[in-house]
């Protein structure tokens, strides 16, 4: 339960950071955003939501690769 709550908090932080204008970001700000997104990914990955996202992306990639053949 704690993992999901921290993940939700990080998701809110990511959304708020990405709403800012691109020109207003420094390199440090961009690196910090990347680190936060990576931490969010690590927290979400082992949860049922993470598995659902992985399954969805797997099906999407398989569908795209089949359509290209």
PDB file of N, CA and C in Angstrom:
ATOM      1  N   UNK A   1       0.808  -1.197   0.000  1.00  0.00           N
ATOM      2  CA  UNK A   1       0.000   0.000   0.000  1.00  0.00           C
ATOM      3  C   UNK A   1       0.851   1.261   0.000  1.00  0.00           C
ATOM      4  N   UNK A   2       1.912   1.263   0.771  1.00  0.00           N
ATOM      5  CA  UNK A   2       2.772   2.437   0.843  1.00  0.00           C
ATOM      6  C   UNK A   2       3.404   2.736  -0.509  1.00  0.00           C
ATOM      7  N   UNK A   3       3.780   1.692  -1.238  1.00  0.00           N
ATOM      8  CA  UNK A   3       4.411   1.884  -2.545  1.00  0.00           C
ATOM      9  C   UNK A   3       3.473   2.622  -3.484  1.00  0.00           C
ATOM     10  N   UNK A   4       2.210   2.253  -3.491  1.00  0.00           N
ATOM     11  CA  UNK A   4       1.250   2.899  -4.388  1.00  0.00           C
ATOM     12  C   UNK A   4       1.045   4.360  -3.980  1.00  0.00           C
ATOM     13  N   UNK A   5       0.997   4.659  -2.688  1.00  0.00           N
ATOM     14  CA  UNK A   5       0.809   6.033  -2.248  1.00  0.00           C
ATOM     15  C   UNK A   5       1.997   6.914  -2.642  1.00  0.00           C
ATOM     16  N   UNK A   6       3.212   6.403  -2.490  1.00  0.00           N
ATOM     17  CA  UNK A   6       4.396   7.150  -2.901  1.00  0.00           C
ATOM     18  C   UNK A   6       4.388   7.333  -4.413  1.00  0.00           C
ATOM     19  N   UNK A   7       3.970   6.295  -5.133  1.00  0.00           N
ATOM     20  CA  UNK A   7       3.909   6.380  -6.596  1.00  0.00           C
ATOM     21  C   UNK A   7       2.906   7.434  -7.038  1.00  0.00           C
ATOM     22  N   UNK A   8       1.775   7.511  -6.366  1.00  0.00           N
ATOM     23  CA  UNK A   8       0.773   8.529  -6.708  1.00  0.00           C
ATOM     24  C   UNK A   8       1.341   9.920  -6.446  1.00  0.00           C
ATOM     25  N   UNK A   9       2.029  10.072  -5.340  1.00  0.00           N
ATOM     26  CA  UNK A   9       2.662  11.364  -5.037  1.00  0.00           C
ATOM     27  C   UNK A   9       3.686  11.758  -6.087  1.00  0.00           C
ATOM     28  N   UNK A  10       4.514  10.798  -6.492  1.00  0.00           N
ATOM     29  CA  UNK A  10       5.500  11.094  -7.541  1.00  0.00           C
ATOM     30  C   UNK A  10       4.817  11.404  -8.867  1.00  0.00           C
ATOM     31  N   UNK A  11       3.738  10.709  -9.166  1.00  0.00           N
ATOM     32  CA  UNK A  11       3.016  10.981 -10.413  1.00  0.00           C
ATOM     33  C   UNK A  11       2.477  12.408 -10.422  1.00  0.00           C
ATOM     34  N   UNK A  12       1.970  12.858  -9.308  1.00  0.00           N
ATOM     35  CA  UNK A  12       1.480  14.239  -9.216  1.00  0.00           C
ATOM     36  C   UNK A  12       2.631  15.217  -9.415  1.00  0.00           C
ATOM     37  N   UNK A  13       3.766  14.947  -8.802  1.00  0.00           N
ATOM     38  CA  UNK A  13       4.941  15.818  -8.964  1.00  0.00           C
ATOM     39  C   UNK A  13       5.376  15.864 -10.422  1.00  0.00           C
ATOM     40  N   UNK A  14       5.388  14.712 -11.090  1.00  0.00           N
ATOM     41  CA  UNK A  14       5.796  14.666 -12.501  1.00  0.00           C
ATOM     42  C   UNK A  14       4.840  15.498 -13.354  1.00  0.00           C
ATOM     43  N   UNK A  15       3.540  15.353 -13.136  1.00  0.00           N
ATOM     44  CA  UNK A  15       2.567  16.116 -13.922  1.00  0.00           C
ATOM     45  C   UNK A  15       2.762  17.614 -13.702  1.00  0.00           C
ATOM     46  N   UNK A  16       2.957  18.005 -12.455  1.00  0.00           N
ATOM     47  CA  UNK A  16       3.156  19.431 -12.178  1.00  0.00           C
ATOM     48  C   UNK A  16       4.443  19.955 -12.810  1.00  0.00           C
ATOM     49  N   UNK A  17       5.504  19.152 -12.776  1.00  0.00           N
ATOM     50  CA  UNK A  17       6.776  19.590 -13.367  1.00  0.00           C
ATOM     51  C   UNK A  17       6.688  19.672 -14.886  1.00  0.00           C
ATOM     52  N   UNK A  18       5.951  18.760 -15.504  1.00  0.00           N
ATOM     53  CA  UNK A  18       5.860  18.749 -16.967  1.00  0.00           C
ATOM     54  C   UNK A  18       4.911  19.806 -17.515  1.00  0.00           C
ATOM     55  N   UNK A  19       4.085  20.385 -16.665  1.00  0.00           N
ATOM     56  CA  UNK A  19       3.177  21.444 -17.124  1.00  0.00           C
ATOM     57  C   UNK A  19       3.905  22.763 -17.347  1.00  0.00           C
ATOM     58  N   UNK A  20       5.097  22.895 -16.753  1.00  0.00           N
ATOM     59  CA  UNK A  20       5.851  24.135 -16.926  1.00  0.00           C
ATOM     60  C   UNK A  20       6.351  24.269 -18.357  1.00  0.00           C
ATOM     61  N   UNK A  21       6.601  25.488 -18.746  1.00  0.00           N
ATOM     62  CA  UNK A  21       7.096  25.745 -20.094  1.00  0.00           C
ATOM     63  C   UNK A  21       8.496  25.170 -20.261  1.00  0.00           C
ATOM     64  N   UNK A  22       8.785  24.654 -21.436  1.00  0.00           N
ATOM     65  CA  UNK A  22      10.079  24.030 -21.710  1.00  0.00           C
ATOM     66  C   UNK A  22      11.205  25.043 -21.613  1.00  0.00           C
ATOM     67  N   UNK A  23      10.979  26.270 -22.054  1.00  0.00           N
ATOM     68  CA  UNK A  23      12.039  27.273 -22.061  1.00  0.00           C
ATOM     69  C   UNK A  23      12.464  27.653 -20.641  1.00  0.00           C
ATOM     70  N   UNK A  24      11.607  27.429 -19.656  1.00  0.00           N
ATOM     71  CA  UNK A  24      11.902  27.838 -18.290  1.00  0.00           C
ATOM     72  C   UNK A  24      12.709  26.791 -17.517  1.00  0.00           C
ATOM     73  N   UNK A  25      13.049  25.688 -18.154  1.00  0.00           N
ATOM     74  CA  UNK A  25      13.738  24.607 -17.456  1.00  0.00           C
ATOM     75  C   UNK A  25      15.251  24.696 -17.649  1.00  0.00           C
ATOM     76  N   UNK A  26      15.969  24.469 -16.581  1.00  0.00           N
ATOM     77  CA  UNK A  26      17.429  24.378 -16.664  1.00  0.00           C
ATOM     78  C   UNK A  26      17.816  22.912 -16.862  1.00  0.00           C
ATOM     79  N   UNK A  27      19.090  22.675 -17.120  1.00  0.00           N
ATOM     80  CA  UNK A  27      19.560  21.290 -17.268  1.00  0.00           C
ATOM     81  C   UNK A  27      19.365  20.517 -15.978  1.00  0.00           C
ATOM     82  N   UNK A  28      19.639  21.154 -14.856  1.00  0.00           N
ATOM     83  CA  UNK A  28      19.450  20.488 -13.566  1.00  0.00           C
ATOM     84  C   UNK A  28      17.992  20.111 -13.368  1.00  0.00           C
ATOM     85  N   UNK A  29      17.090  21.010 -13.751  1.00  0.00           N
ATOM     86  CA  UNK A  29      15.659  20.758 -13.622  1.00  0.00           C
ATOM     87  C   UNK A  29      15.247  19.564 -14.485  1.00  0.00           C
ATOM     88  N   UNK A  30      15.771  19.472 -15.697  1.00  0.00           N
ATOM     89  CA  UNK A  30      15.454  18.349 -16.579  1.00  0.00           C
ATOM     90  C   UNK A  30      15.995  17.047 -16.011  1.00  0.00           C
ATOM     91  N   UNK A  31      17.210  17.078 -15.463  1.00  0.00           N
ATOM     92  CA  UNK A  31      17.803  15.867 -14.875  1.00  0.00           C
ATOM     93  C   UNK A  31      17.008  15.419 -13.658  1.00  0.00           C
ATOM     94  N   UNK A  32      16.559  16.365 -12.851  1.00  0.00           N
ATOM     95  CA  UNK A  32      15.756  16.028 -11.684  1.00  0.00           C
ATOM     96  C   UNK A  32      14.430  15.398 -12.097  1.00  0.00           C
ATOM     97  N   UNK A  33      13.818  15.906 -13.152  1.00  0.00           N
ATOM     98  CA  UNK A  33      12.573  15.333 -13.651  1.00  0.00           C
ATOM     99  C   UNK A  33      12.799  13.899 -14.124  1.00  0.00           C
ATOM    100  N   UNK A  34      13.892  13.660 -14.823  1.00  0.00           N
ATOM    101  CA  UNK A  34      14.205  12.307 -15.286  1.00  0.00           C
ATOM    102  C   UNK A  34      14.389  11.369 -14.100  1.00  0.00           C
ATOM    103  N   UNK A  35      15.092  11.804 -13.072  1.00  0.00           N
ATOM    104  CA  UNK A  35      15.285  10.964 -11.883  1.00  0.00           C
ATOM    105  C   UNK A  35      13.964  10.654 -11.187  1.00  0.00           C
ATOM    106  N   UNK A  36      13.092  11.643 -11.117  1.00  0.00           N
ATOM    107  CA  UNK A  36      11.780  11.421 -10.492  1.00  0.00           C
ATOM    108  C   UNK A  36      10.957  10.426 -11.309  1.00  0.00           C
ATOM    109  N   UNK A  37      10.993  10.551 -12.627  1.00  0.00           N
ATOM    110  CA  UNK A  37      10.250   9.625 -13.489  1.00  0.00           C
ATOM    111  C   UNK A  37      10.814   8.214 -13.362  1.00  0.00           C
ATOM    112  N   UNK A  38      12.130   8.073 -13.288  1.00  0.00           N
ATOM    113  CA  UNK A  38      12.732   6.750 -13.100  1.00  0.00           C
ATOM    114  C   UNK A  38      12.319   6.146 -11.759  1.00  0.00           C
ATOM    115  N   UNK A  39      12.315   6.949 -10.709  1.00  0.00           N
ATOM    116  CA  UNK A  39      11.879   6.461  -9.398  1.00  0.00           C
ATOM    117  C   UNK A  39      10.416   6.028  -9.452  1.00  0.00           C
ATOM    118  N   UNK A  40       9.596   6.790 -10.153  1.00  0.00           N
ATOM    119  CA  UNK A  40       8.187   6.435 -10.313  1.00  0.00           C
ATOM    120  C   UNK A  40       8.059   5.093 -11.034  1.00  0.00           C
ATOM    121  N   UNK A  41       8.843   4.897 -12.072  1.00  0.00           N
ATOM    122  CA  UNK A  41       8.821   3.627 -12.799  1.00  0.00           C
ATOM    123  C   UNK A  41       9.222   2.452 -11.932  1.00  0.00           C
ATOM    124  N   UNK A  42      10.238   2.638 -11.108  1.00  0.00           N
ATOM    125  CA  UNK A  42      10.686   1.569 -10.213  1.00  0.00           C
ATOM    126  C   UNK A  42       9.613   1.233  -9.192  1.00  0.00           C
ATOM    127  N   UNK A  43       8.899   2.234  -8.709  1.00  0.00           N
ATOM    128  CA  UNK A  43       7.841   1.991  -7.732  1.00  0.00           C
ATOM    129  C   UNK A  43       6.610   1.335  -8.350  1.00  0.00           C
ATOM    130  N   UNK A  44       6.297   1.682  -9.584  1.00  0.00           N
ATOM    131  CA  UNK A  44       5.094   1.153 -10.230  1.00  0.00           C
ATOM    132  C   UNK A  44       5.318  -0.253 -10.779  1.00  0.00           C
ATOM    133  N   UNK A  45       6.525  -0.572 -11.212  1.00  0.00           N
ATOM    134  CA  UNK A  45       6.803  -1.829 -11.912  1.00  0.00           C
ATOM    135  C   UNK A  45       6.310  -3.082 -11.188  1.00  0.00           C
ATOM    136  N   UNK A  46       6.580  -3.273  -9.901  1.00  0.00           N
ATOM    137  CA  UNK A  46       6.159  -4.537  -9.271  1.00  0.00           C
ATOM    138  C   UNK A  46       4.685  -4.592  -8.848  1.00  0.00           C
ATOM    139  N   UNK A  47       3.944  -3.535  -9.031  1.00  0.00           N
ATOM    140  CA  UNK A  47       2.544  -3.500  -8.603  1.00  0.00           C
ATOM    141  C   UNK A  47       1.640  -4.070  -9.700  1.00  0.00           C
ATOM    142  N   UNK A  48       0.407  -4.403  -9.374  1.00  0.00           N
ATOM    143  CA  UNK A  48      -0.542  -4.862 -10.400  1.00  0.00           C
ATOM    144  C   UNK A  48      -0.756  -3.822 -11.510  1.00  0.00           C
ATOM    145  N   UNK A  49      -0.698  -2.555 -11.152  1.00  0.00           N
ATOM    146  CA  UNK A  49      -0.830  -1.498 -12.168  1.00  0.00           C
ATOM    147  C   UNK A  49       0.361  -1.565 -13.133  1.00  0.00           C
ATOM    148  N   UNK A  50       1.546  -1.772 -12.595  1.00  0.00           N
ATOM    149  CA  UNK A  50       2.736  -1.891 -13.437  1.00  0.00           C
ATOM    150  C   UNK A  50       2.652  -3.080 -14.371  1.00  0.00           C
ATOM    151  N   UNK A  51       2.144  -4.201 -13.862  1.00  0.00           N
ATOM    152  CA  UNK A  51       1.985  -5.382 -14.716  1.00  0.00           C
ATOM    153  C   UNK A  51       0.939  -5.139 -15.799  1.00  0.00           C
ATOM    154  N   UNK A  52      -0.117  -4.429 -15.466  1.00  0.00           N
ATOM    155  CA  UNK A  52      -1.146  -4.108 -16.461  1.00  0.00           C
ATOM    156  C   UNK A  52      -0.584  -3.198 -17.551  1.00  0.00           C
ATOM    157  N   UNK A  53       0.225  -2.219 -17.154  1.00  0.00           N
ATOM    158  CA  UNK A  53       0.857  -1.326 -18.137  1.00  0.00           C
ATOM    159  C   UNK A  53       1.794  -2.119 -19.042  1.00  0.00           C
ATOM    160  N   UNK A  54       2.582  -3.024 -18.448  1.00  0.00           N
ATOM    161  CA  UNK A  54       3.495  -3.854 -19.237  1.00  0.00           C
ATOM    162  C   UNK A  54       2.726  -4.733 -20.214  1.00  0.00           C
ATOM    163  N   UNK A  55       1.656  -5.354 -19.763  1.00  0.00           N
ATOM    164  CA  UNK A  55       0.843  -6.191 -20.650  1.00  0.00           C
ATOM    165  C   UNK A  55       0.252  -5.375 -21.795  1.00  0.00           C
ATOM    166  N   UNK A  56      -0.235  -4.181 -21.487  1.00  0.00           N
ATOM    167  CA  UNK A  56      -0.806  -3.315 -22.525  1.00  0.00           C
ATOM    168  C   UNK A  56       0.254  -2.927 -23.555  1.00  0.00           C
ATOM    169  N   UNK A  57       1.427  -2.521 -23.070  1.00  0.00           N
ATOM    170  CA  UNK A  57       2.495  -2.126 -23.996  1.00  0.00           C
ATOM    171  C   UNK A  57       2.979  -3.303 -24.826  1.00  0.00           C
ATOM    172  N   UNK A  58       3.032  -4.492 -24.225  1.00  0.00           N
ATOM    173  CA  UNK A  58       3.429  -5.689 -24.971  1.00  0.00           C
ATOM    174  C   UNK A  58       2.446  -5.975 -26.092  1.00  0.00           C
ATOM    175  N   UNK A  59       1.159  -5.905 -25.807  1.00  0.00           N
ATOM    176  CA  UNK A  59       0.142  -6.129 -26.839  1.00  0.00           C
ATOM    177  C   UNK A  59       0.215  -5.062 -27.925  1.00  0.00           C
ATOM    178  N   UNK A  60       0.446  -3.826 -27.525  1.00  0.00           N
ATOM    179  CA  UNK A  60       0.545  -2.730 -28.493  1.00  0.00           C
ATOM    180  C   UNK A  60       1.724  -2.939 -29.442  1.00  0.00           C
ATOM    181  N   UNK A  61       2.884  -3.278 -28.884  1.00  0.00           N
ATOM    182  CA  UNK A  61       4.071  -3.492 -29.718  1.00  0.00           C
ATOM    183  C   UNK A  61       3.879  -4.702 -30.622  1.00  0.00           C
ATOM    184  N   UNK A  62       3.280  -5.775 -30.099  1.00  0.00           N
ATOM    185  CA  UNK A  62       3.025  -6.949 -30.941  1.00  0.00           C
ATOM    186  C   UNK A  62       2.065  -6.610 -32.077  1.00  0.00           C
ATOM    187  N   UNK A  63       1.034  -5.824 -31.792  1.00  0.00           N
ATOM    188  CA  UNK A  63       0.093  -5.426 -32.839  1.00  0.00           C
ATOM    189  C   UNK A  63       0.744  -4.570 -33.901  1.00  0.00           C
ATOM    190  N   UNK A  64       1.614  -3.655 -33.484  1.00  0.00           N
ATOM    191  CA  UNK A  64       2.310  -2.778 -34.446  1.00  0.00           C
ATOM    192  C   UNK A  64       3.277  -3.597 -35.294  1.00  0.00           C
ATOM    193  N   UNK A  65       3.977  -4.528 -34.666  1.00  0.00           N
ATOM    194  CA  UNK A  65       4.949  -5.332 -35.433  1.00  0.00           C
ATOM    195  C   UNK A  65       4.238  -6.258 -36.417  1.00  0.00           C
ATOM    196  N   UNK A  66       3.066  -6.768 -36.045  1.00  0.00           N
ATOM    197  CA  UNK A  66       2.304  -7.613 -36.970  1.00  0.00           C
ATOM    198  C   UNK A  66       1.747  -6.799 -38.117  1.00  0.00           C
ATOM    199  N   UNK A  67       1.349  -5.567 -37.851  1.00  0.00           N
ATOM    200  CA  UNK A  67       0.795  -4.712 -38.900  1.00  0.00           C
ATOM    201  C   UNK A  67       1.853  -4.330 -39.912  1.00  0.00           C
ATOM    202  N   UNK A  68       3.110  -4.280 -39.486  1.00  0.00           N
ATOM    203  CA  UNK A  68       4.205  -3.903 -40.383  1.00  0.00           C
ATOM    204  C   UNK A  68       4.667  -5.018 -41.277  1.00  0.00           C
ATOM    205  N   UNK A  69       4.195  -6.229 -41.035  1.00  0.00           N
ATOM    206  CA  UNK A  69       4.652  -7.378 -41.837  1.00  0.00           C
ATOM    207  C   UNK A  69       3.855  -7.574 -43.072  1.00  0.00           C
TER     208      UNK A  69
END
